[in-house]
Amino acid sequence: MQTKLTLSIDNDIIEQAKEYARSQHRSLSGMVEGYLKLVVRKESPTEELSPIVASLMGVATMDVKGKGRDEIAAYLEEKHA
């Protein structure tokens, strides 16, 4: 179930975040939700992430619907070969 949330954030930050979201073909709401999922996830990371790395988590997406682990591995191997 989706619920609306009202936040108070500096206008400059909002505009920069909207621009960034557009450049990533994502919604600002989706980015905030992704961040909150990271914050509240039950499993804690084995090592502390730097703030820069943490801020980049969830930014990149890959269409993996209907693909198995082997297909994803093959895609990544080809991409980084």
N, C-alpha and C. Protein backbone atom coordinates (compact mmCIF):
# COMPACT_ATOMS: atom_id res chain seq x y z
N MET A 1 0.84 -1.17 0.00
CA MET A 1 0.00 0.00 0.00
C MET A 1 0.89 1.25 0.00
N GLN A 2 0.59 2.17 -0.87
CA GLN A 2 1.33 3.43 -0.95
C GLN A 2 0.69 4.45 -0.02
N THR A 3 1.52 5.25 0.64
CA THR A 3 1.05 6.31 1.52
C THR A 3 1.81 7.58 1.21
N LYS A 4 1.10 8.71 1.18
CA LYS A 4 1.78 9.98 0.96
C LYS A 4 2.54 10.39 2.21
N LEU A 5 3.66 11.07 1.99
CA LEU A 5 4.51 11.53 3.08
C LEU A 5 4.90 12.98 2.79
N THR A 6 4.76 13.83 3.77
CA THR A 6 5.15 15.23 3.62
C THR A 6 6.48 15.44 4.32
N LEU A 7 7.45 16.00 3.59
CA LEU A 7 8.77 16.27 4.14
C LEU A 7 9.09 17.75 4.00
N SER A 8 9.85 18.29 4.91
CA SER A 8 10.34 19.66 4.80
C SER A 8 11.83 19.60 4.47
N ILE A 9 12.16 20.01 3.23
CA ILE A 9 13.53 19.94 2.74
C ILE A 9 13.83 21.24 2.02
N ASP A 10 15.06 21.72 2.15
CA ASP A 10 15.50 22.95 1.50
C ASP A 10 15.17 22.90 0.01
N ASN A 11 14.63 24.01 -0.53
CA ASN A 11 14.23 24.07 -1.94
C ASN A 11 15.38 23.75 -2.89
N ASP A 12 16.58 24.24 -2.61
CA ASP A 12 17.72 23.97 -3.49
C ASP A 12 18.02 22.48 -3.56
N ILE A 13 17.94 21.80 -2.42
CA ILE A 13 18.18 20.35 -2.39
C ILE A 13 17.11 19.63 -3.18
N ILE A 14 15.87 20.03 -3.03
CA ILE A 14 14.77 19.40 -3.76
C ILE A 14 14.99 19.52 -5.26
N GLU A 15 15.32 20.73 -5.72
CA GLU A 15 15.52 20.94 -7.15
C GLU A 15 16.70 20.12 -7.68
N GLN A 16 17.80 20.07 -6.92
CA GLN A 16 18.95 19.27 -7.33
C GLN A 16 18.59 17.79 -7.36
N ALA A 17 17.84 17.34 -6.37
CA ALA A 17 17.44 15.93 -6.30
C ALA A 17 16.50 15.58 -7.45
N LYS A 18 15.58 16.47 -7.80
CA LYS A 18 14.67 16.22 -8.93
C LYS A 18 15.45 16.12 -10.24
N GLU A 19 16.41 17.02 -10.41
CA GLU A 19 17.24 16.99 -11.62
C GLU A 19 18.03 15.68 -11.70
N TYR A 20 18.61 15.29 -10.56
CA TYR A 20 19.36 14.03 -10.53
C TYR A 20 18.44 12.85 -10.83
N ALA A 21 17.27 12.82 -10.23
CA ALA A 21 16.32 11.73 -10.45
C ALA A 21 15.96 11.64 -11.94
N ARG A 22 15.69 12.80 -12.57
CA ARG A 22 15.38 12.81 -14.01
C ARG A 22 16.54 12.24 -14.82
N SER A 23 17.76 12.62 -14.46
CA SER A 23 18.93 12.15 -15.21
C SER A 23 19.11 10.64 -15.08
N GLN A 24 18.58 10.07 -13.99
CA GLN A 24 18.68 8.62 -13.76
C GLN A 24 17.42 7.88 -14.20
N HIS A 25 16.49 8.61 -14.80
CA HIS A 25 15.21 8.03 -15.25
C HIS A 25 14.47 7.36 -14.09
N ARG A 26 14.48 8.03 -12.96
CA ARG A 26 13.81 7.54 -11.75
C ARG A 26 12.97 8.66 -11.18
N SER A 27 12.04 8.28 -10.34
CA SER A 27 11.26 9.29 -9.64
C SER A 27 11.96 9.65 -8.33
N LEU A 28 11.74 10.85 -7.87
CA LEU A 28 12.31 11.26 -6.60
C LEU A 28 11.73 10.41 -5.47
N SER A 29 10.44 10.11 -5.56
CA SER A 29 9.81 9.24 -4.55
C SER A 29 10.48 7.87 -4.53
N GLY A 30 10.77 7.33 -5.72
CA GLY A 30 11.43 6.02 -5.79
C GLY A 30 12.82 6.05 -5.18
N MET A 31 13.53 7.16 -5.39
CA MET A 31 14.87 7.27 -4.81
C MET A 31 14.80 7.36 -3.29
N VAL A 32 13.86 8.14 -2.78
CA VAL A 32 13.71 8.26 -1.33
C VAL A 32 13.31 6.91 -0.74
N GLU A 33 12.38 6.22 -1.40
CA GLU A 33 11.96 4.91 -0.91
C GLU A 33 13.14 3.93 -0.90
N GLY A 34 13.95 3.95 -1.96
CA GLY A 34 15.12 3.08 -2.01
C GLY A 34 16.09 3.37 -0.87
N TYR A 35 16.30 4.64 -0.58
CA TYR A 35 17.18 5.01 0.52
C TYR A 35 16.61 4.52 1.84
N LEU A 36 15.32 4.74 2.05
CA LEU A 36 14.71 4.32 3.32
C LEU A 36 14.74 2.80 3.47
N LYS A 37 14.61 2.08 2.38
CA LYS A 37 14.73 0.61 2.45
C LYS A 37 16.12 0.22 2.95
N LEU A 38 17.14 0.92 2.47
CA LEU A 38 18.50 0.63 2.94
C LEU A 38 18.64 0.93 4.42
N VAL A 39 18.04 2.02 4.87
CA VAL A 39 18.17 2.43 6.26
C VAL A 39 17.49 1.44 7.20
N VAL A 40 16.34 0.93 6.80
CA VAL A 40 15.57 0.08 7.71
C VAL A 40 15.76 -1.42 7.49
N ARG A 41 16.60 -1.79 6.52
CA ARG A 41 16.77 -3.22 6.26
C ARG A 41 17.27 -3.93 7.50
N LYS A 42 16.86 -5.16 7.63
CA LYS A 42 17.15 -5.91 8.86
C LYS A 42 18.59 -6.38 8.95
N GLU A 43 19.17 -6.76 7.84
CA GLU A 43 20.54 -7.26 7.90
C GLU A 43 21.51 -6.09 7.83
N SER A 44 22.45 -6.05 8.71
CA SER A 44 23.43 -4.97 8.69
C SER A 44 24.61 -5.38 7.82
N PRO A 45 25.21 -4.41 7.14
CA PRO A 45 26.35 -4.75 6.29
C PRO A 45 27.51 -5.29 7.12
N THR A 46 28.30 -6.16 6.50
CA THR A 46 29.43 -6.75 7.21
C THR A 46 30.53 -5.73 7.46
N GLU A 47 30.61 -4.71 6.62
CA GLU A 47 31.58 -3.65 6.84
C GLU A 47 30.90 -2.31 6.59
N GLU A 48 31.39 -1.30 7.23
CA GLU A 48 30.81 0.03 7.12
C GLU A 48 31.11 0.60 5.72
N LEU A 49 30.09 1.17 5.08
CA LEU A 49 30.26 1.78 3.77
C LEU A 49 30.62 3.25 3.93
N SER A 50 31.45 3.74 3.03
CA SER A 50 31.76 5.17 3.07
C SER A 50 30.50 5.93 2.67
N PRO A 51 30.36 7.19 3.07
CA PRO A 51 29.18 7.97 2.71
C PRO A 51 28.97 8.07 1.20
N ILE A 52 30.07 8.15 0.45
CA ILE A 52 29.94 8.24 -1.01
C ILE A 52 29.37 6.95 -1.58
N VAL A 53 29.89 5.81 -1.16
CA VAL A 53 29.38 4.52 -1.64
C VAL A 53 27.93 4.34 -1.21
N ALA A 54 27.63 4.66 0.03
CA ALA A 54 26.26 4.52 0.52
C ALA A 54 25.30 5.38 -0.29
N SER A 55 25.74 6.59 -0.68
CA SER A 55 24.86 7.47 -1.45
C SER A 55 24.61 6.94 -2.86
N LEU A 56 25.51 6.11 -3.37
CA LEU A 56 25.36 5.56 -4.72
C LEU A 56 24.54 4.28 -4.76
N MET A 57 24.30 3.68 -3.62
CA MET A 57 23.55 2.42 -3.60
C MET A 57 22.15 2.65 -4.13
N GLY A 58 21.74 1.76 -5.04
CA GLY A 58 20.42 1.84 -5.60
C GLY A 58 20.30 2.75 -6.81
N VAL A 59 21.38 3.43 -7.18
CA VAL A 59 21.33 4.35 -8.30
C VAL A 59 21.27 3.59 -9.62
N ALA A 60 22.11 2.60 -9.78
CA ALA A 60 22.15 1.82 -11.02
C ALA A 60 21.09 0.73 -10.98
N THR A 61 20.46 0.53 -12.11
CA THR A 61 19.46 -0.53 -12.20
C THR A 61 19.81 -1.43 -13.38
N MET A 62 19.33 -2.64 -13.33
CA MET A 62 19.55 -3.60 -14.40
C MET A 62 18.26 -4.38 -14.57
N ASP A 63 17.77 -4.52 -15.78
CA ASP A 63 16.53 -5.25 -16.03
C ASP A 63 16.82 -6.74 -15.94
N VAL A 64 16.42 -7.37 -14.84
CA VAL A 64 16.70 -8.79 -14.62
C VAL A 64 15.41 -9.59 -14.43
N LYS A 65 14.26 -8.98 -14.78
CA LYS A 65 13.00 -9.69 -14.60
C LYS A 65 13.01 -10.99 -15.39
N GLY A 66 12.68 -12.07 -14.71
CA GLY A 66 12.59 -13.37 -15.37
C GLY A 66 13.93 -14.02 -15.68
N LYS A 67 15.01 -13.44 -15.22
CA LYS A 67 16.33 -14.02 -15.49
C LYS A 67 16.84 -14.72 -14.25
N GLY A 68 17.54 -15.80 -14.47
CA GLY A 68 18.12 -16.56 -13.37
C GLY A 68 19.51 -16.07 -13.02
N ARG A 69 20.04 -16.62 -11.95
CA ARG A 69 21.36 -16.21 -11.46
C ARG A 69 22.45 -16.41 -12.53
N ASP A 70 22.40 -17.52 -13.27
CA ASP A 70 23.41 -17.78 -14.30
C ASP A 70 23.35 -16.74 -15.42
N GLU A 71 22.12 -16.38 -15.82
CA GLU A 71 21.97 -15.38 -16.87
C GLU A 71 22.47 -14.01 -16.43
N ILE A 72 22.21 -13.67 -15.18
CA ILE A 72 22.69 -12.40 -14.65
C ILE A 72 24.22 -12.40 -14.60
N ALA A 73 24.80 -13.49 -14.14
CA ALA A 73 26.26 -13.60 -14.08
C ALA A 73 26.86 -13.48 -15.48
N ALA A 74 26.24 -14.12 -16.47
CA ALA A 74 26.73 -14.05 -17.84
C ALA A 74 26.64 -12.61 -18.36
N TYR A 75 25.54 -11.93 -18.05
CA TYR A 75 25.38 -10.53 -18.45
C TYR A 75 26.50 -9.67 -17.87
N LEU A 76 26.77 -9.84 -16.57
CA LEU A 76 27.79 -9.03 -15.92
C LEU A 76 29.19 -9.34 -16.44
N GLU A 77 29.46 -10.63 -16.71
CA GLU A 77 30.76 -11.00 -17.27
C GLU A 77 30.97 -10.37 -18.63
N GLU A 78 29.93 -10.39 -19.46
CA GLU A 78 30.03 -9.81 -20.80
C GLU A 78 30.18 -8.28 -20.71
N LYS A 79 29.43 -7.68 -19.80
CA LYS A 79 29.48 -6.24 -19.65
C LYS A 79 30.86 -5.76 -19.21
N HIS A 80 31.51 -6.51 -18.34
CA HIS A 80 32.80 -6.09 -17.78
C HIS A 80 34.00 -6.78 -18.42
N ALA A 81 33.80 -7.45 -19.52
CA ALA A 81 34.90 -8.14 -20.20
C ALA A 81 35.74 -7.19 -21.01
